[in-house]
């Protein structure tokens, strides 16, 4: 296994990260995978963990969970509260910047990737195994989170050269793709989209999406514009 490509893949169980994981294994031909899941007290932690584990099982990958309780204390995001999500209608998707900000967790991806770098360096020190790090960022257009951009990836890669000296590259292979393109890639990779979870609100049953939060609306739109039938079960159509 020493000569096989190895990857740590940050996975929330969502559509983008699950497609990224399958892409890394089946298109980029990485053989040894670690699915890295973060528990920061988000309201959908149960569903995210379930589908991240499902992804790991489907890819014959190792599953690791990192628990970050302090991030919940710092978070100003609705993801870390019980406040009911606003119902988003299709005509409101032209400008979602204000709604997106409500779900933003300060510096979350910086913290996640710092942890992933520490894990990769630790594995190198212990076993002399070199891992690449992959994350499922996508093209967000004009409205984006500051720690989910190509510029951010470039800067954190420059930073890792200073802090690790191991050349542990961070890659976002789908960064230039939008949601419908990612769905099309997932279809070609024969992914069961019912084994992904995008909802911000959460539900008592693992595979049910609320259907009205921002993430559900964007998921619906992705399937609509991709021309691929949306198999997702929504509590609200």
Protein backbone atom coordinates (compact mmCIF):
# COMPACT_ATOMS: atom_id res chain seq x y z
CA UNK A 1 0.00 0.00 0.00
CA UNK A 2 3.01 2.33 0.33
CA UNK A 3 3.01 3.14 -3.37
CA UNK A 4 -0.74 3.71 -3.54
CA UNK A 5 -2.20 7.22 -3.50
CA UNK A 6 -3.81 8.07 -0.16
CA UNK A 7 -6.42 10.72 0.63
CA UNK A 8 -8.10 12.34 3.59
CA UNK A 9 -11.52 13.55 2.46
CA UNK A 10 -13.51 16.01 4.53
CA UNK A 11 -17.09 14.79 4.43
CA UNK A 12 -20.34 16.09 5.88
CA UNK A 13 -22.49 13.48 4.19
CA UNK A 14 -23.75 16.20 1.85
CA UNK A 15 -24.06 15.90 -1.89
CA UNK A 16 -20.93 17.89 -2.71
CA UNK A 17 -18.62 16.10 -0.29
CA UNK A 18 -19.94 12.62 -1.13
CA UNK A 19 -19.50 13.26 -4.85
CA UNK A 20 -15.99 14.53 -4.11
CA UNK A 21 -15.17 11.34 -2.20
CA UNK A 22 -16.35 9.11 -5.05
CA UNK A 23 -14.55 11.33 -7.56
CA UNK A 24 -11.28 11.01 -5.65
CA UNK A 25 -11.49 7.22 -5.58
CA UNK A 26 -12.97 6.46 -8.99
CA UNK A 27 -11.68 9.28 -11.18
CA UNK A 28 -8.43 10.26 -9.48
CA UNK A 29 -7.70 6.64 -8.51
CA UNK A 30 -6.78 7.13 -4.87
CA UNK A 31 -6.71 3.72 -3.24
CA UNK A 32 -6.59 4.35 0.51
CA UNK A 33 -9.15 6.80 1.86
CA UNK A 34 -9.98 8.33 5.22
CA UNK A 35 -13.41 9.94 5.47
CA UNK A 36 -12.99 12.73 8.03
CA UNK A 37 -16.21 13.91 9.68
CA UNK A 38 -16.51 16.89 12.03
CA UNK A 39 -18.91 17.04 14.95
CA UNK A 40 -19.17 20.64 16.14
CA UNK A 41 -22.61 20.36 17.73
CA UNK A 42 -24.48 21.16 14.52
CA UNK A 43 -28.22 20.48 14.59
CA UNK A 44 -27.92 17.87 11.81
CA UNK A 45 -24.95 16.02 13.32
CA UNK A 46 -26.88 12.74 13.52
CA UNK A 47 -27.81 12.77 9.83
CA UNK A 48 -24.41 14.04 8.68
CA UNK A 49 -22.60 11.34 10.64
CA UNK A 50 -24.93 8.63 9.31
CA UNK A 51 -24.38 9.55 5.66
CA UNK A 52 -20.66 10.17 6.09
CA UNK A 53 -20.34 6.66 7.52
CA UNK A 54 -22.44 5.37 4.62
CA UNK A 55 -20.05 7.06 2.20
CA UNK A 56 -17.05 5.49 3.95
CA UNK A 57 -18.65 2.06 3.81
CA UNK A 58 -19.51 2.40 0.11
CA UNK A 59 -15.93 3.36 -0.70
CA UNK A 60 -14.31 0.83 1.63
CA UNK A 61 -12.72 3.76 3.44
CA UNK A 62 -11.73 4.37 7.04
CA UNK A 63 -14.08 6.67 8.99
CA UNK A 64 -12.80 9.18 11.52
CA UNK A 65 -14.82 11.62 13.60
CA UNK A 66 -13.29 14.76 15.07
CA UNK A 67 -15.26 16.34 17.90
CA UNK A 68 -14.90 20.11 18.23
CA UNK A 69 -17.21 21.31 21.03
CA UNK A 70 -15.47 24.67 21.31
CA UNK A 71 -16.49 25.55 17.76
CA UNK A 72 -20.16 25.35 18.78
CA UNK A 73 -19.49 27.85 21.55
CA UNK A 74 -17.94 30.26 19.06
CA UNK A 75 -20.52 29.73 16.34
CA UNK A 76 -23.06 32.41 15.46
CA UNK A 77 -24.65 30.11 12.88
CA UNK A 78 -28.22 28.82 12.82
CA UNK A 79 -26.57 25.42 12.37
CA UNK A 80 -25.73 25.59 16.06
CA UNK A 81 -29.14 26.73 17.24
CA UNK A 82 -32.72 25.50 17.37
CA UNK A 83 -34.16 28.52 15.57
CA UNK A 84 -36.56 27.48 12.82
CA UNK A 85 -35.12 27.93 9.35
CA UNK A 86 -36.71 30.52 7.08
CA UNK A 87 -38.79 29.17 4.22
CA UNK A 88 -36.96 30.02 0.99
CA UNK A 89 -38.93 30.30 -2.23
CA UNK A 90 -37.55 29.85 -5.71
CA UNK A 91 -37.80 33.54 -6.58
CA UNK A 92 -35.66 34.37 -3.55
CA UNK A 93 -32.67 32.42 -4.84
CA UNK A 94 -31.49 35.31 -7.03
CA UNK A 95 -29.89 36.87 -3.97
CA UNK A 96 -29.25 34.62 -0.99
CA UNK A 97 -26.36 36.52 0.60
CA UNK A 98 -28.29 37.57 3.72
CA UNK A 99 -29.74 34.10 4.25
CA UNK A 100 -26.34 32.43 3.64
CA UNK A 101 -24.75 34.62 6.30
CA UNK A 102 -27.18 33.23 8.89
CA UNK A 103 -25.72 29.75 8.34
CA UNK A 104 -22.05 30.76 8.25
CA UNK A 105 -19.85 29.26 10.98
CA UNK A 106 -16.87 31.59 11.59
CA UNK A 107 -13.62 30.18 10.17
CA UNK A 108 -15.09 26.66 10.12
CA UNK A 109 -13.22 25.47 7.03
CA UNK A 110 -9.96 26.98 8.26
CA UNK A 111 -10.33 25.01 11.49
CA UNK A 112 -11.34 21.83 9.65
CA UNK A 113 -8.43 22.00 7.23
CA UNK A 114 -5.97 22.81 10.03
CA UNK A 115 -7.13 19.65 11.78
CA UNK A 116 -6.84 17.66 8.54
CA UNK A 117 -3.28 18.95 8.07
CA UNK A 118 -2.40 17.89 11.61
CA UNK A 119 -3.87 14.44 10.96
CA UNK A 120 -1.96 14.08 7.68
CA UNK A 121 1.31 15.15 9.27
CA UNK A 122 0.74 12.82 12.20
CA UNK A 123 0.20 9.88 9.84
CA UNK A 124 3.39 10.77 8.01
CA UNK A 125 5.40 10.95 11.24
CA UNK A 126 3.98 7.65 12.53
CA UNK A 127 3.84 5.59 9.36
CA UNK A 128 5.68 7.55 6.66
CA UNK A 129 2.40 7.58 4.72
CA UNK A 130 1.74 10.71 2.67
CA UNK A 131 -1.89 11.78 2.30
CA UNK A 132 -3.47 14.40 0.10
CA UNK A 133 -6.39 16.36 1.57
CA UNK A 134 -9.60 16.85 -0.38
CA UNK A 135 -12.60 19.06 0.29
CA UNK A 136 -15.87 19.44 -1.60
CA UNK A 137 -15.94 23.16 -2.31
CA UNK A 138 -17.97 24.17 -5.36
CA UNK A 139 -18.47 27.31 -7.46
CA UNK A 140 -20.68 29.59 -5.36
CA UNK A 141 -20.85 32.41 -7.93
CA UNK A 142 -20.97 35.94 -6.53
CA UNK A 143 -22.29 34.84 -3.15
CA UNK A 144 -19.73 32.80 -1.28
CA UNK A 145 -18.33 32.02 2.12
CA UNK A 146 -14.87 33.56 2.59
CA UNK A 147 -13.31 30.23 3.59
CA UNK A 148 -14.68 28.27 0.61
CA UNK A 149 -12.96 29.92 -2.34
CA UNK A 150 -10.11 29.19 -4.72
CA UNK A 151 -8.15 32.05 -3.14
CA UNK A 152 -8.58 30.48 0.30
CA UNK A 153 -7.34 27.11 -0.98
CA UNK A 154 -4.31 28.80 -2.56
CA UNK A 155 -3.47 30.65 0.64
CA UNK A 156 -3.86 27.68 2.98
CA UNK A 157 -1.67 25.62 0.65
CA UNK A 158 0.98 28.31 0.95
CA UNK A 159 0.58 28.22 4.72
CA UNK A 160 0.97 24.43 4.91
CA UNK A 161 4.37 24.73 3.26
CA UNK A 162 5.48 26.74 6.28
CA UNK A 163 3.81 24.75 9.04
CA UNK A 164 4.28 21.15 7.92
CA UNK A 165 7.30 20.88 5.60
CA UNK A 166 5.73 17.68 4.26
CA UNK A 167 4.15 18.99 1.05
CA UNK A 168 0.64 17.98 2.12
CA UNK A 169 -1.46 19.43 -0.66
CA UNK A 170 -5.07 20.54 -0.14
CA UNK A 171 -7.25 20.05 -3.21
CA UNK A 172 -10.82 21.08 -4.05
CA UNK A 173 -11.34 19.15 -7.30
CA UNK A 174 -14.87 20.46 -7.96
CA UNK A 175 -14.23 24.11 -7.05
CA UNK A 176 -15.10 25.32 -10.56
CA UNK A 177 -18.29 23.27 -10.82
CA UNK A 178 -21.76 24.44 -9.84
CA UNK A 179 -24.40 22.27 -8.17
CA UNK A 180 -25.98 20.90 -11.35
CA UNK A 181 -22.58 19.96 -12.78
CA UNK A 182 -21.71 18.15 -9.55
CA UNK A 183 -25.00 16.25 -9.72
CA UNK A 184 -24.18 15.22 -13.29
CA UNK A 185 -20.76 13.99 -12.17
CA UNK A 186 -22.43 12.09 -9.33
CA UNK A 187 -24.81 10.47 -11.79
CA UNK A 188 -21.91 9.31 -13.96
CA UNK A 189 -20.23 7.91 -10.85
CA UNK A 190 -23.43 5.96 -10.12
CA UNK A 191 -23.96 7.59 -6.74
CA UNK A 192 -27.21 6.94 -4.90
CA UNK A 193 -28.27 10.51 -4.13
CA UNK A 194 -30.59 9.24 -1.42
CA UNK A 195 -27.41 8.42 0.48
CA UNK A 196 -26.51 12.11 0.79
CA UNK A 197 -27.93 14.72 3.15
CA UNK A 198 -28.04 18.46 2.45
CA UNK A 199 -30.72 19.82 4.79
CA UNK A 200 -29.79 22.57 7.25
CA UNK A 201 -32.85 22.08 9.45
CA UNK A 202 -32.76 18.36 10.03
CA UNK A 203 -35.58 15.90 10.65
CA UNK A 204 -36.25 13.00 12.98
CA UNK A 205 -35.84 10.51 10.13
CA UNK A 206 -32.34 10.34 8.63
CA UNK A 207 -33.21 10.52 4.94
CA UNK A 208 -35.92 13.22 5.06
CA UNK A 209 -35.07 16.81 4.07
CA UNK A 210 -37.23 19.72 5.26
CA UNK A 211 -37.64 21.03 1.70
CA UNK A 212 -37.77 24.72 2.59
CA UNK A 213 -34.38 25.77 4.02
CA UNK A 214 -31.75 27.42 1.83
CA UNK A 215 -29.73 24.24 1.35
CA UNK A 216 -32.81 22.21 0.38
CA UNK A 217 -33.83 24.88 -2.13
CA UNK A 218 -30.37 24.87 -3.69
CA UNK A 219 -30.41 21.06 -3.83
CA UNK A 220 -33.78 21.14 -5.61
CA UNK A 221 -32.50 23.72 -8.08
CA UNK A 222 -29.39 21.68 -8.78
CA UNK A 223 -31.44 18.66 -9.76
CA UNK A 224 -33.85 20.81 -11.78
CA UNK A 225 -31.13 22.43 -13.87
CA UNK A 226 -29.17 19.19 -14.25
CA UNK A 227 -32.17 17.52 -15.87
CA UNK A 228 -31.78 14.60 -13.48
CA UNK A 229 -34.75 13.42 -11.44
CA UNK A 230 -34.50 14.42 -7.80
CA UNK A 231 -35.01 11.30 -5.65
CA UNK A 232 -34.87 13.25 -2.38
CA UNK A 233 -37.69 12.87 0.12
CA UNK A 234 -38.80 16.35 1.23
CA UNK A 235 -41.16 16.96 4.16
CA UNK A 236 -42.40 20.06 2.34
CA UNK A 237 -42.60 20.15 -1.47
